[in-house]
Protein backbone atom coordinates (compact mmCIF):
# COMPACT_ATOMS: atom_id res chain seq x y z
CA MET A 1 0.01 -0.06 -0.04
CA ALA A 2 1.37 3.36 -1.05
CA ILE A 3 1.21 6.51 1.02
CA TYR A 4 1.33 9.81 -0.71
CA GLU A 5 2.76 12.93 1.01
CA LEU A 6 1.96 16.44 -0.28
CA VAL A 7 2.74 20.01 1.01
CA MET A 8 0.01 22.57 0.62
CA HIS A 9 1.32 26.13 0.57
CA SER A 10 -2.12 27.74 1.04
CA ALA A 11 -5.80 27.21 1.66
CA GLU A 12 -6.37 27.80 -1.91
CA GLU A 13 -3.95 25.01 -2.95
CA THR A 14 -5.72 22.64 -0.55
CA MET A 15 -9.05 23.53 -2.06
CA GLU A 16 -7.69 23.10 -5.79
CA PHE A 17 -6.41 19.62 -4.85
CA ALA A 18 -9.91 18.74 -3.39
CA VAL A 19 -11.49 20.09 -6.56
CA ARG A 20 -9.35 17.82 -8.66
CA LEU A 21 -10.07 14.79 -6.50
CA SER A 22 -13.80 15.40 -6.53
CA GLU A 23 -13.85 15.13 -10.38
CA GLN A 24 -12.77 11.38 -9.92
CA LEU A 25 -15.26 10.62 -7.12
CA GLN A 26 -18.16 8.08 -7.33
CA PRO A 27 -21.14 7.21 -5.44
CA LYS A 28 -20.22 5.28 -2.26
CA ASP A 29 -16.66 6.79 -2.00
CA VAL A 30 -15.63 7.51 1.53
CA ILE A 31 -12.94 9.92 2.68
CA ALA A 32 -11.83 9.94 6.32
CA LEU A 33 -10.22 13.23 7.31
CA GLU A 34 -7.88 13.24 10.27
CA GLY A 35 -5.31 15.66 11.60
CA ASP A 36 -4.47 18.81 13.54
CA LEU A 37 -7.13 21.26 14.73
CA GLY A 38 -7.31 24.15 12.20
CA ALA A 39 -5.12 22.17 9.52
CA GLY A 40 -7.75 22.49 6.83
CA LYS A 41 -10.18 19.61 7.10
CA THR A 42 -13.13 21.82 6.52
CA THR A 43 -11.33 23.82 3.86
CA PHE A 44 -10.62 20.51 1.96
CA THR A 45 -14.39 19.61 2.18
CA LYS A 46 -15.22 22.96 0.73
CA GLY A 47 -12.98 22.17 -2.32
CA LEU A 48 -14.65 18.82 -2.72
CA ALA A 49 -18.09 20.47 -2.56
CA LYS A 50 -16.95 23.08 -5.19
CA GLY A 51 -15.77 20.32 -7.48
CA LEU A 52 -19.06 18.53 -7.08
CA GLY A 53 -20.96 21.59 -8.14
CA ILE A 54 -22.37 22.34 -4.70
CA THR A 55 -23.17 26.10 -4.47
CA ARG A 56 -24.55 26.11 -0.84
CA ALA A 57 -22.00 27.25 1.75
CA VAL A 58 -20.20 24.44 3.53
CA SER A 59 -19.38 24.61 7.21
CA SER A 60 -18.28 22.07 9.70
CA PRO A 61 -21.28 20.07 10.95
CA THR A 62 -19.86 20.13 14.63
CA PHE A 63 -23.21 20.18 16.36
CA THR A 64 -25.32 18.29 13.87
CA ILE A 65 -22.93 15.36 13.06
CA VAL A 66 -24.05 15.27 9.38
CA LYS A 67 -24.76 17.89 6.77
CA GLU A 68 -26.06 16.89 3.36
CA TYR A 69 -25.40 18.99 0.12
CA LYS A 70 -26.70 18.32 -3.34
CA GLY A 71 -24.60 18.44 -6.33
CA ARG A 72 -23.28 16.22 -9.19
CA LEU A 73 -23.18 13.77 -6.40
CA PRO A 74 -24.63 14.29 -2.94
CA LEU A 75 -22.06 15.09 -0.36
CA TYR A 76 -22.47 13.77 3.20
CA HIS A 77 -20.19 15.82 5.51
CA MET A 78 -19.68 14.27 8.94
CA ASP A 79 -17.97 15.59 12.01
CA VAL A 80 -17.95 12.93 14.66
CA TYR A 81 -15.75 14.73 17.21
CA ARG A 82 -18.42 14.98 19.83
CA LEU A 83 -19.73 11.44 19.67
CA GLU A 84 -19.36 9.81 23.08
CA ASP A 85 -20.35 6.22 22.37
CA THR A 86 -18.58 5.10 19.21
CA PHE A 87 -20.18 1.83 19.21
CA GLU A 88 -23.76 3.02 19.00
CA ASP A 89 -25.30 2.28 15.62
CA LEU A 90 -26.10 5.66 14.18
CA GLY A 91 -26.88 4.52 10.74
CA PHE A 92 -23.57 5.64 9.16
CA ASP A 93 -23.64 2.63 6.72
CA GLU A 94 -26.61 4.14 5.02
CA TYR A 95 -24.47 7.00 3.93
CA PHE A 96 -21.49 4.95 3.11
CA GLU A 97 -23.59 2.72 0.98
CA GLY A 98 -25.79 5.65 -0.49
CA ASP A 99 -25.67 7.43 -3.76
CA GLY A 100 -23.11 10.10 -2.63
CA VAL A 101 -19.78 10.75 -1.38
CA THR A 102 -19.08 10.67 2.50
CA VAL A 103 -16.45 12.92 4.12
CA ILE A 104 -15.80 12.21 7.81
CA GLU A 105 -13.94 14.51 10.05
CA TRP A 106 -12.20 12.67 13.13
CA ALA A 107 -13.05 9.34 11.56
CA HIS A 108 -10.94 7.44 13.98
CA LEU A 109 -13.61 7.93 16.53
CA ILE A 110 -16.01 5.59 14.67
CA LYS A 111 -13.43 3.28 13.25
CA PRO A 112 -15.37 0.04 13.99
CA GLN A 113 -18.21 1.42 11.79
CA LEU A 114 -16.10 2.50 8.84
CA PRO A 115 -16.25 0.57 5.62
CA ASP A 116 -13.36 -1.79 4.90
CA GLU A 117 -12.11 0.42 1.96
CA LEU A 118 -11.80 4.20 2.03
CA LEU A 119 -9.26 7.00 1.65
CA TYR A 120 -7.66 8.40 4.67
CA ILE A 121 -6.45 12.11 4.31
CA HIS A 122 -4.42 13.36 7.20
CA LEU A 123 -3.73 17.10 7.33
CA TYR A 124 -1.01 18.54 9.59
CA HIS A 125 0.45 22.01 10.30
CA HIS A 126 3.73 22.33 8.54
CA GLY A 127 5.24 25.76 9.33
CA ASP A 128 3.13 28.90 9.59
CA GLN A 129 1.10 28.68 6.34
CA GLU A 130 1.82 25.30 4.91
CA ARG A 131 0.11 22.06 5.54
CA LYS A 132 1.24 18.56 5.12
CA MET A 133 -1.35 16.16 3.46
CA VAL A 134 -0.85 12.49 3.71
CA LEU A 135 -3.09 10.38 1.60
CA GLU A 136 -3.54 6.69 2.76
CA PRO A 137 -5.55 4.63 0.36
CA ILE A 138 -7.19 1.51 1.72
CA GLY A 139 -8.35 -0.73 -1.07
CA LYS A 140 -7.73 -0.98 -4.80
CA ARG A 141 -10.36 1.71 -5.72
CA TYR A 142 -8.64 4.16 -3.50
CA GLU A 143 -5.09 3.19 -4.56
CA GLN A 144 -5.97 3.76 -8.18
CA LEU A 145 -7.70 7.10 -7.30
CA CYS A 146 -4.49 8.32 -5.66
CA LYS A 147 -2.31 7.30 -8.55
CA GLU A 148 -4.60 9.22 -11.09
CA ILE A 149 -4.67 12.29 -8.86
CA ILE A 150 -0.99 12.39 -7.68
CA GLU A 151 0.87 10.95 -10.74
CA GLY A 152 -1.50 12.37 -13.30
């Protein structure tokens, strides 16, 4: 399994990368976002939304757990940071198996409920303005997706 590391020099660059990625996404794709507070998880999701043709403003669903947006594909944006009982069945599989793309911030908190194949994207502070982005594809679909996006 390959791991890809990139350095993003601005929030705009993070969004541009997410737009490029969104062009390759398909129904049932799951992206697990992890990393430092304020490192760009929501910025990344805004880029995905833009690439999916979503015109509604995207914000973190911190207090609602899931926000749904309509575009070329539906976008299900989850923030599971505040979940106390990670083993309670909250119906996440309905999103994972649905007709859209699911993005989960703080996905490690619901790891037992995650699908077997997904794309982990870790975002870390890297200096004052830069961010380090680490892509960890789990499964052939996501390995191919990363190769297409990174290697062109």
